Structures are given as structure tokens and as C-alpha cells.
Amino acid sequence: MASDLVDHLVKIHNREKTDFRWRNLRKLVRKHVVGTRILDAGCGTGHTTLELLRESYDVTAIDNSEDLIAFTKTIIEKRGFNANVLQLDLTESAVLGENRFDTILCLDVLEHINDDRMAMENLYKILNINGTIIISVPAIKYLYGIRDKKMGHFRRYDRGELIEKLKESGFDVVDVRYWNFLGVLPFLFSEKVLHKELNEGVRYSNRSYLSKILTNILNTWFEIVENNVRFPVGLSIIVIGKK
């Protein structure tokens, strides 16, 4: 499962300019970033870290994968930036110091952690007073299935459960929304009817004329619709919290 996740993230990184999901998720959450000291909690291949460095933020990036940390360090160094990049599990992140970060980005990470409550408690400790945490997680418990297991997900989240866990960890939840409404029915049909993993090849391929057209259509949908309309359900939940 670990190798599947790394391969998945590397594909996303290599196609970051055309991956409609990651591209628009970053656009959506970036407007909530405050201050200058940023923690990329679960940095993956470092694409978000690199983007923040380009805009002169003081970034610390952590991940528990040795392979992903090495990848992140390499791409940052190749582009001439410096950042504090550490192999560290979120359940141990309190070692970074109390009240240290103005914004914590935790995008598609908590589902990979067995003790997600401990991770949230540690993130609360290291967030600065009046700081912001931005979280995205896979939504709808019922949809947990083949792809989640392959990616190393311990769970998908229901809205109420996630809010409760964050509040119990100390956070004030100031905004919650579903995202990726478009993907719900295809995911549901694939996982619960066909009992097959949803093929997301369109996210990684942009070579053929047809795939380019489809990518442009999906990117436009996410940019204009998903990022501006609050649907009653979606494949992801995005939460903005405060300390």
C-alpha cells in the first residue's frame, strides 16, 4: 500500500499543472492561509511546499515517508529553495514546538493515520494562537472501499464525526464544506456496484487530444463550479479551524 501511495503522489506531482483535482483544491484552500510561518503537514511530494516557497512563505514540511521526504528535498533543492523538511509522523509533531505556525495545511493526510485524534491534538499544540488549520479528507464513510485500502486509508469521514474530533482536540471549527460533488456517483458506482477501483487515469494522462479536452472541461468545472458552489455532498470534506 505504501508503494501504491508513493506512485500515486509522484504521478500527481509530475502532472501538477494538468491535475484538475489538486490544482483546484490548492486554489480553494490557499485563500485561507494566514501569516508567514506555514506547516505543510503530510507534504507528500512537496508540490504544495514548493508553491508556498515561490511566494516567499517560511515553510516547514513533514511526512512520515522516507521516500517522499527524499523526493521533496530533491525538488526543492533543484529549484534553489531552502525549507525545513523533516521525516515526522503527525502523532509526534508536537516536538516542533508550541504555538509555532500561523497556518497548518493538512490536505488528504488524516485518513492515513491510525490515531487521527492524537494527530489533531498535536497539530493544535503547534498552531499559533489565532492561527488557522486547513484540512481536507475523503468524505462519506459508506464509500470506503477498494481504492481507500489501496491508498492506505484507515477511514473516510462523515461531516459530524470530523467536526466532533476537531472540537475535542481544541479547535474552533469556522467553516466546513463538501467538495468534488462530480465524483460521487462515479465513485459510488465503481466501488459499490462494480466492486472495482475507480480509474483516475484522466488525472495523470494529458497526451491525446481527447484527454486534453476532457482535462480542460474538468478543470473548468472545478474552477467555476466546485470551488464556488456548496453542494450537499462530495467526495471530500474541507474544514477551516482556528485556535
C-alpha atoms as a PDB file:
ATOM      1  CA  MET A   1       0.000   0.000   0.000  1.00  0.00           C
ATOM      2  CA  ALA A   2       2.859   2.374   0.787  1.00  0.00           C
ATOM      3  CA  SER A   3       4.337   1.939  -2.694  1.00  0.00           C
ATOM      4  CA  ASP A   4       0.900   2.464  -4.273  1.00  0.00           C
ATOM      5  CA  LEU A   5       0.552   5.737  -2.392  1.00  0.00           C
ATOM      6  CA  VAL A   6       4.023   6.956  -3.351  1.00  0.00           C
ATOM      7  CA  ASP A   7       3.412   6.074  -7.025  1.00  0.00           C
ATOM      8  CA  HIS A   8       0.067   7.890  -6.897  1.00  0.00           C
ATOM      9  CA  LEU A   9       1.601  11.033  -5.404  1.00  0.00           C
ATOM     10  CA  VAL A  10       4.526  11.057  -7.814  1.00  0.00           C
ATOM     11  CA  LYS A  11       2.077  10.841 -10.740  1.00  0.00           C
ATOM     12  CA  ILE A  12       0.176  13.801  -9.299  1.00  0.00           C
ATOM     13  CA  HIS A  13       3.400  15.768  -8.879  1.00  0.00           C
ATOM     14  CA  ASN A  14       4.533  15.074 -12.432  1.00  0.00           C
ATOM     15  CA  ARG A  15       1.149  16.230 -13.747  1.00  0.00           C
ATOM     16  CA  GLU A  16       0.524  19.002 -11.225  1.00  0.00           C
ATOM     17  CA  LYS A  17      -0.200  21.595 -13.920  1.00  0.00           C
ATOM     18  CA  THR A  18      -2.900  19.438 -15.518  1.00  0.00           C
ATOM     19  CA  ASP A  19      -4.247  17.513 -12.498  1.00  0.00           C
ATOM     20  CA  PHE A  20      -7.595  19.276 -12.151  1.00  0.00           C
ATOM     21  CA  ARG A  21      -8.231  17.966  -8.633  1.00  0.00           C
ATOM     22  CA  TRP A  22      -5.020  19.045  -6.914  1.00  0.00           C
ATOM     23  CA  ARG A  23      -4.793  22.248  -8.898  1.00  0.00           C
ATOM     24  CA  ASN A  24      -8.239  23.419  -7.823  1.00  0.00           C
ATOM     25  CA  LEU A  25      -8.049  22.109  -4.267  1.00  0.00           C
ATOM     26  CA  ARG A  26      -4.946  24.230  -3.742  1.00  0.00           C
ATOM     27  CA  LYS A  27      -6.694  27.265  -5.247  1.00  0.00           C
ATOM     28  CA  LEU A  28      -9.642  26.772  -2.911  1.00  0.00           C
ATOM     29  CA  VAL A  29      -7.673  26.447   0.312  1.00  0.00           C
ATOM     30  CA  ARG A  30      -4.923  28.966  -0.375  1.00  0.00           C
ATOM     31  CA  LYS A  31      -7.212  31.932   0.268  1.00  0.00           C
ATOM     32  CA  HIS A  32      -7.440  30.809   3.895  1.00  0.00           C
ATOM     33  CA  VAL A  33      -3.673  30.884   4.509  1.00  0.00           C
ATOM     34  CA  VAL A  34      -2.693  33.463   7.148  1.00  0.00           C
ATOM     35  CA  GLY A  35       0.657  34.687   8.449  1.00  0.00           C
ATOM     36  CA  THR A  36       4.065  33.691   7.145  1.00  0.00           C
ATOM     37  CA  ARG A  37       5.039  30.554   9.075  1.00  0.00           C
ATOM     38  CA  ILE A  38       3.421  27.595   7.327  1.00  0.00           C
ATOM     39  CA  LEU A  39       3.463  23.880   8.106  1.00  0.00           C
ATOM     40  CA  ASP A  40       2.790  21.508   5.210  1.00  0.00           C
ATOM     41  CA  ALA A  41       1.671  18.576   7.371  1.00  0.00           C
ATOM     42  CA  GLY A  42       1.940  15.482   5.228  1.00  0.00           C
ATOM     43  CA  CYS A  43       3.794  17.152   2.380  1.00  0.00           C
ATOM     44  CA  GLY A  44       3.797  14.155   0.016  1.00  0.00           C
ATOM     45  CA  THR A  45       5.968  15.037  -2.977  1.00  0.00           C
ATOM     46  CA  GLY A  46       6.295  18.657  -1.894  1.00  0.00           C
ATOM     47  CA  HIS A  47       4.260  20.335  -4.639  1.00  0.00           C
ATOM     48  CA  THR A  48       2.375  22.499  -2.131  1.00  0.00           C
ATOM     49  CA  THR A  49       5.569  23.266  -0.207  1.00  0.00           C
ATOM     50  CA  LEU A  50       7.268  24.387  -3.411  1.00  0.00           C
ATOM     51  CA  GLU A  51       4.341  26.594  -4.355  1.00  0.00           C
ATOM     52  CA  LEU A  52       4.448  28.311  -0.954  1.00  0.00           C
ATOM     53  CA  LEU A  53       8.215  28.788  -1.138  1.00  0.00           C
ATOM     54  CA  ARG A  54       7.811  30.503  -4.503  1.00  0.00           C
ATOM     55  CA  GLU A  55       5.595  33.034  -2.735  1.00  0.00           C
ATOM     56  CA  SER A  56       8.210  33.662  -0.007  1.00  0.00           C
ATOM     57  CA  TYR A  57       6.488  31.865   2.875  1.00  0.00           C
ATOM     58  CA  ASP A  58       8.581  30.368   5.676  1.00  0.00           C
ATOM     59  CA  VAL A  59       7.682  26.705   5.177  1.00  0.00           C
ATOM     60  CA  THR A  60       8.272  23.585   7.231  1.00  0.00           C
ATOM     61  CA  ALA A  61       7.324  20.311   5.511  1.00  0.00           C
ATOM     62  CA  ILE A  62       6.838  16.993   7.291  1.00  0.00           C
ATOM     63  CA  ASP A  63       5.863  13.495   6.199  1.00  0.00           C
ATOM     64  CA  ASN A  64       6.332  10.063   7.733  1.00  0.00           C
ATOM     65  CA  SER A  65       7.528   8.530   4.443  1.00  0.00           C
ATOM     66  CA  GLU A  66      11.289   8.435   3.927  1.00  0.00           C
ATOM     67  CA  ASP A  67      10.807   8.179   0.152  1.00  0.00           C
ATOM     68  CA  LEU A  68       8.513  11.203  -0.027  1.00  0.00           C
ATOM     69  CA  ILE A  69      10.759  13.318   2.184  1.00  0.00           C
ATOM     70  CA  ALA A  70      13.718  12.496  -0.056  1.00  0.00           C
ATOM     71  CA  PHE A  71      11.642  13.404  -3.133  1.00  0.00           C
ATOM     72  CA  THR A  72      10.543  16.696  -1.567  1.00  0.00           C
ATOM     73  CA  LYS A  73      14.083  17.663  -0.596  1.00  0.00           C
ATOM     74  CA  THR A  74      15.323  16.936  -4.114  1.00  0.00           C
ATOM     75  CA  ILE A  75      12.752  19.049  -5.961  1.00  0.00           C
ATOM     76  CA  ILE A  76      13.175  21.945  -3.539  1.00  0.00           C
ATOM     77  CA  GLU A  77      16.967  21.926  -3.864  1.00  0.00           C
ATOM     78  CA  LYS A  78      16.766  21.644  -7.669  1.00  0.00           C
ATOM     79  CA  ARG A  79      14.714  24.818  -7.767  1.00  0.00           C
ATOM     80  CA  GLY A  80      17.070  26.714  -5.491  1.00  0.00           C
ATOM     81  CA  PHE A  81      14.885  26.980  -2.379  1.00  0.00           C
ATOM     82  CA  ASN A  82      15.529  26.209   1.275  1.00  0.00           C
ATOM     83  CA  ALA A  83      12.962  24.718   3.633  1.00  0.00           C
ATOM     84  CA  ASN A  84      12.904  22.692   6.813  1.00  0.00           C
ATOM     85  CA  VAL A  85      11.913  19.235   5.529  1.00  0.00           C
ATOM     86  CA  LEU A  86      11.588  16.520   8.163  1.00  0.00           C
ATOM     87  CA  GLN A  87      10.547  12.894   8.352  1.00  0.00           C
ATOM     88  CA  LEU A  88       8.000  13.082  11.151  1.00  0.00           C
ATOM     89  CA  ASP A  89       4.650  11.489  11.940  1.00  0.00           C
ATOM     90  CA  LEU A  90       1.773  13.841  12.736  1.00  0.00           C
ATOM     91  CA  THR A  91       1.181  11.989  16.007  1.00  0.00           C
ATOM     92  CA  GLU A  92       4.631  13.181  17.082  1.00  0.00           C
ATOM     93  CA  SER A  93       4.509  16.667  15.577  1.00  0.00           C
ATOM     94  CA  ALA A  94       4.321  18.416  18.972  1.00  0.00           C
ATOM     95  CA  VAL A  95       8.141  18.221  19.037  1.00  0.00           C
ATOM     96  CA  LEU A  96       8.151  21.105  16.541  1.00  0.00           C
ATOM     97  CA  GLY A  97       7.203  23.465  19.367  1.00  0.00           C
ATOM     98  CA  GLU A  98       4.058  25.058  20.785  1.00  0.00           C
ATOM     99  CA  ASN A  99       2.386  27.999  19.013  1.00  0.00           C
ATOM    100  CA  ARG A 100       4.871  27.839  16.161  1.00  0.00           C
ATOM    101  CA  PHE A 101       2.858  28.012  12.925  1.00  0.00           C
ATOM    102  CA  ASP A 102       0.431  30.639  11.647  1.00  0.00           C
ATOM    103  CA  THR A 103      -1.166  28.199   9.193  1.00  0.00           C
ATOM    104  CA  ILE A 104      -1.160  24.416   9.039  1.00  0.00           C
ATOM    105  CA  LEU A 105      -2.104  22.725   5.775  1.00  0.00           C
ATOM    106  CA  CYS A 106      -3.193  19.114   6.232  1.00  0.00           C
ATOM    107  CA  LEU A 107      -4.537  18.033   2.866  1.00  0.00           C
ATOM    108  CA  ASP A 108      -5.593  14.404   2.360  1.00  0.00           C
ATOM    109  CA  VAL A 109      -3.473  13.201   5.261  1.00  0.00           C
ATOM    110  CA  LEU A 110      -5.538  12.358   8.366  1.00  0.00           C
ATOM    111  CA  GLU A 111      -7.136   9.350   6.682  1.00  0.00           C
ATOM    112  CA  HIS A 112      -3.678   7.755   6.511  1.00  0.00           C
ATOM    113  CA  ILE A 113      -3.156   7.957  10.285  1.00  0.00           C
ATOM    114  CA  ASN A 114      -4.482   5.263  12.591  1.00  0.00           C
ATOM    115  CA  ASP A 115      -4.714   7.550  15.631  1.00  0.00           C
ATOM    116  CA  ASP A 116      -6.095  10.632  13.907  1.00  0.00           C
ATOM    117  CA  ARG A 117      -7.257  12.134  17.193  1.00  0.00           C
ATOM    118  CA  MET A 118      -3.701  12.199  18.551  1.00  0.00           C
ATOM    119  CA  ALA A 119      -2.562  13.800  15.297  1.00  0.00           C
ATOM    120  CA  MET A 120      -5.180  16.540  15.679  1.00  0.00           C
ATOM    121  CA  GLU A 121      -4.173  17.171  19.300  1.00  0.00           C
ATOM    122  CA  ASN A 122      -0.533  17.541  18.272  1.00  0.00           C
ATOM    123  CA  LEU A 123      -1.432  19.912  15.438  1.00  0.00           C
ATOM    124  CA  TYR A 124      -3.438  22.018  17.864  1.00  0.00           C
ATOM    125  CA  LYS A 125      -0.396  22.392  20.140  1.00  0.00           C
ATOM    126  CA  ILE A 126       1.906  23.621  17.387  1.00  0.00           C
ATOM    127  CA  LEU A 127      -0.608  26.009  15.806  1.00  0.00           C
ATOM    128  CA  ASN A 128      -0.127  29.628  16.824  1.00  0.00           C
ATOM    129  CA  ILE A 129      -2.758  31.481  18.862  1.00  0.00           C
ATOM    130  CA  ASN A 130      -5.385  32.716  16.362  1.00  0.00           C
ATOM    131  CA  GLY A 131      -3.733  30.529  13.725  1.00  0.00           C
ATOM    132  CA  THR A 132      -5.579  28.617  11.006  1.00  0.00           C
ATOM    133  CA  ILE A 133      -5.647  24.925  10.180  1.00  0.00           C
ATOM    134  CA  ILE A 134      -6.894  23.846   6.749  1.00  0.00           C
ATOM    135  CA  ILE A 135      -7.892  20.194   6.429  1.00  0.00           C
ATOM    136  CA  SER A 136      -9.194  18.061   3.590  1.00  0.00           C
ATOM    137  CA  VAL A 137     -10.207  14.411   3.988  1.00  0.00           C
ATOM    138  CA  PRO A 138     -12.138  11.823   1.956  1.00  0.00           C
ATOM    139  CA  ALA A 139     -15.850  12.005   2.731  1.00  0.00           C
ATOM    140  CA  ILE A 140     -18.757   9.580   3.192  1.00  0.00           C
ATOM    141  CA  LYS A 141     -17.948   6.545   5.326  1.00  0.00           C
ATOM    142  CA  TYR A 142     -20.200   4.319   3.229  1.00  0.00           C
ATOM    143  CA  LEU A 143     -17.903   4.763   0.224  1.00  0.00           C
ATOM    144  CA  TYR A 144     -14.864   3.269   1.977  1.00  0.00           C
ATOM    145  CA  GLY A 145     -13.624   0.542  -0.330  1.00  0.00           C
ATOM    146  CA  ILE A 146     -11.024  -0.839  -2.680  1.00  0.00           C
ATOM    147  CA  ARG A 147      -9.280   2.398  -3.594  1.00  0.00           C
ATOM    148  CA  ASP A 148      -9.115   3.591   0.012  1.00  0.00           C
ATOM    149  CA  LYS A 149      -7.474   0.346   1.114  1.00  0.00           C
ATOM    150  CA  LYS A 150      -5.010   0.510  -1.779  1.00  0.00           C
ATOM    151  CA  MET A 151      -4.018   4.069  -0.821  1.00  0.00           C
ATOM    152  CA  GLY A 152      -3.563   3.136   2.835  1.00  0.00           C
ATOM    153  CA  HIS A 153      -6.647   4.931   4.149  1.00  0.00           C
ATOM    154  CA  PHE A 154      -7.851   3.871   7.579  1.00  0.00           C
ATOM    155  CA  ARG A 155     -11.192   5.581   7.037  1.00  0.00           C
ATOM    156  CA  ARG A 156     -13.393   8.026   5.179  1.00  0.00           C
ATOM    157  CA  TYR A 157     -15.111  10.709   7.272  1.00  0.00           C
ATOM    158  CA  ASP A 158     -18.649  11.779   7.924  1.00  0.00           C
ATOM    159  CA  ARG A 159     -19.040  15.507   8.471  1.00  0.00           C
ATOM    160  CA  GLY A 160     -20.272  15.309  12.073  1.00  0.00           C
ATOM    161  CA  GLU A 161     -17.525  12.896  13.139  1.00  0.00           C
ATOM    162  CA  LEU A 162     -14.763  15.122  11.780  1.00  0.00           C
ATOM    163  CA  ILE A 163     -16.178  18.252  13.416  1.00  0.00           C
ATOM    164  CA  GLU A 164     -16.521  16.454  16.746  1.00  0.00           C
ATOM    165  CA  LYS A 165     -12.935  15.170  16.681  1.00  0.00           C
ATOM    166  CA  LEU A 166     -11.564  18.618  15.851  1.00  0.00           C
ATOM    167  CA  LYS A 167     -13.570  20.314  18.601  1.00  0.00           C
ATOM    168  CA  GLU A 168     -12.494  17.709  21.142  1.00  0.00           C
ATOM    169  CA  SER A 169      -8.885  18.408  20.114  1.00  0.00           C
ATOM    170  CA  GLY A 170      -9.376  22.112  20.940  1.00  0.00           C
ATOM    171  CA  PHE A 171     -10.115  23.674  17.554  1.00  0.00           C
ATOM    172  CA  ASP A 172     -12.871  26.145  16.796  1.00  0.00           C
ATOM    173  CA  VAL A 173     -14.419  24.984  13.519  1.00  0.00           C
ATOM    174  CA  VAL A 174     -15.252  28.097  11.492  1.00  0.00           C
ATOM    175  CA  ASP A 175     -16.124  26.582   8.113  1.00  0.00           C
ATOM    176  CA  VAL A 176     -16.996  23.149   6.725  1.00  0.00           C
ATOM    177  CA  ARG A 177     -17.913  22.228   3.171  1.00  0.00           C
ATOM    178  CA  TYR A 178     -18.137  19.256   0.857  1.00  0.00           C
ATOM    179  CA  TRP A 179     -16.117  19.325  -2.353  1.00  0.00           C
ATOM    180  CA  ASN A 180     -15.938  17.191  -5.515  1.00  0.00           C
ATOM    181  CA  PHE A 181     -19.650  16.620  -5.995  1.00  0.00           C
ATOM    182  CA  LEU A 182     -18.965  15.498  -9.570  1.00  0.00           C
ATOM    183  CA  GLY A 183     -17.056  12.431  -8.428  1.00  0.00           C
ATOM    184  CA  VAL A 184     -19.645  10.987  -6.042  1.00  0.00           C
ATOM    185  CA  LEU A 185     -21.752   8.950  -8.469  1.00  0.00           C
ATOM    186  CA  PRO A 186     -18.815   7.509 -10.484  1.00  0.00           C
ATOM    187  CA  PHE A 187     -17.059   6.548  -7.239  1.00  0.00           C
ATOM    188  CA  LEU A 188     -20.233   5.026  -5.787  1.00  0.00           C
ATOM    189  CA  PHE A 189     -20.978   3.038  -8.950  1.00  0.00           C
ATOM    190  CA  SER A 190     -17.414   1.771  -9.273  1.00  0.00           C
ATOM    191  CA  GLU A 191     -16.919   0.776  -5.626  1.00  0.00           C
ATOM    192  CA  LYS A 192     -20.385  -0.472  -4.633  1.00  0.00           C
ATOM    193  CA  VAL A 193     -21.833  -1.776  -7.903  1.00  0.00           C
ATOM    194  CA  LEU A 194     -18.867  -2.895  -9.994  1.00  0.00           C
ATOM    195  CA  HIS A 195     -16.682  -3.614  -6.932  1.00  0.00           C
ATOM    196  CA  LYS A 196     -13.720  -2.155  -8.792  1.00  0.00           C
ATOM    197  CA  GLU A 197     -11.323   0.670  -8.099  1.00  0.00           C
ATOM    198  CA  LEU A 198     -12.324   3.877  -9.900  1.00  0.00           C
ATOM    199  CA  ASN A 199      -9.962   4.522 -12.800  1.00  0.00           C
ATOM    200  CA  GLU A 200      -8.484   8.006 -12.371  1.00  0.00           C
ATOM    201  CA  GLY A 201      -6.202   7.802 -15.390  1.00  0.00           C
ATOM    202  CA  VAL A 202      -7.569  11.070 -16.767  1.00  0.00           C
ATOM    203  CA  ARG A 203      -5.807  12.857 -13.895  1.00  0.00           C
ATOM    204  CA  TYR A 204      -2.413  11.556 -14.979  1.00  0.00           C
ATOM    205  CA  SER A 205      -2.633  11.487 -18.780  1.00  0.00           C
ATOM    206  CA  ASN A 206      -2.762  14.551 -20.997  1.00  0.00           C
ATOM    207  CA  ARG A 207      -1.197  13.211 -24.162  1.00  0.00           C
ATOM    208  CA  SER A 208      -4.084  12.559 -26.524  1.00  0.00           C
ATOM    209  CA  TYR A 209      -6.287  15.266 -27.981  1.00  0.00           C
ATOM    210  CA  LEU A 210      -9.356  13.740 -26.295  1.00  0.00           C
ATOM    211  CA  SER A 211      -7.709  13.571 -22.869  1.00  0.00           C
ATOM    212  CA  LYS A 212      -6.653  17.217 -23.170  1.00  0.00           C
ATOM    213  CA  ILE A 213     -10.221  18.255 -23.957  1.00  0.00           C
ATOM    214  CA  LEU A 214     -11.586  16.241 -21.028  1.00  0.00           C
ATOM    215  CA  THR A 215      -8.949  17.642 -18.674  1.00  0.00           C
ATOM    216  CA  ASN A 216      -9.823  21.200 -19.707  1.00  0.00           C
ATOM    217  CA  ILE A 217     -13.541  20.536 -19.182  1.00  0.00           C
ATOM    218  CA  LEU A 218     -12.949  19.058 -15.730  1.00  0.00           C
ATOM    219  CA  ASN A 219     -10.596  21.851 -14.736  1.00  0.00           C
ATOM    220  CA  THR A 220     -13.186  24.436 -15.794  1.00  0.00           C
ATOM    221  CA  TRP A 221     -15.901  22.610 -13.828  1.00  0.00           C
ATOM    222  CA  PHE A 222     -13.829  22.552 -10.649  1.00  0.00           C
ATOM    223  CA  GLU A 223     -12.625  26.129 -11.008  1.00  0.00           C
ATOM    224  CA  ILE A 224     -16.028  27.667 -11.766  1.00  0.00           C
ATOM    225  CA  VAL A 225     -18.492  25.309 -10.089  1.00  0.00           C
ATOM    226  CA  GLU A 226     -16.923  23.123  -7.397  1.00  0.00           C
ATOM    227  CA  ASN A 227     -14.864  25.951  -5.905  1.00  0.00           C
ATOM    228  CA  ASN A 228     -17.829  28.316  -5.718  1.00  0.00           C
ATOM    229  CA  VAL A 229     -20.942  26.187  -5.150  1.00  0.00           C
ATOM    230  CA  ARG A 230     -21.507  24.424  -1.849  1.00  0.00           C
ATOM    231  CA  PHE A 231     -23.059  21.089  -2.722  1.00  0.00           C
ATOM    232  CA  PRO A 232     -24.817  18.964  -0.053  1.00  0.00           C
ATOM    233  CA  VAL A 233     -22.354  16.124  -0.597  1.00  0.00           C
ATOM    234  CA  GLY A 234     -18.951  15.480  -2.165  1.00  0.00           C
ATOM    235  CA  LEU A 235     -16.023  13.075  -2.198  1.00  0.00           C
ATOM    236  CA  SER A 236     -14.042  15.384   0.099  1.00  0.00           C
ATOM    237  CA  ILE A 237     -14.695  17.443   3.201  1.00  0.00           C
ATOM    238  CA  ILE A 238     -12.762  20.683   3.683  1.00  0.00           C
ATOM    239  CA  VAL A 239     -12.576  22.218   7.154  1.00  0.00           C
ATOM    240  CA  ILE A 240     -11.169  25.546   8.316  1.00  0.00           C
ATOM    241  CA  GLY A 241     -10.313  25.620  12.003  1.00  0.00           C
ATOM    242  CA  LYS A 242      -8.907  28.190  14.424  1.00  0.00           C
ATOM    243  CA  LYS A 243      -7.035  28.044  17.696  1.00  0.00           C
END
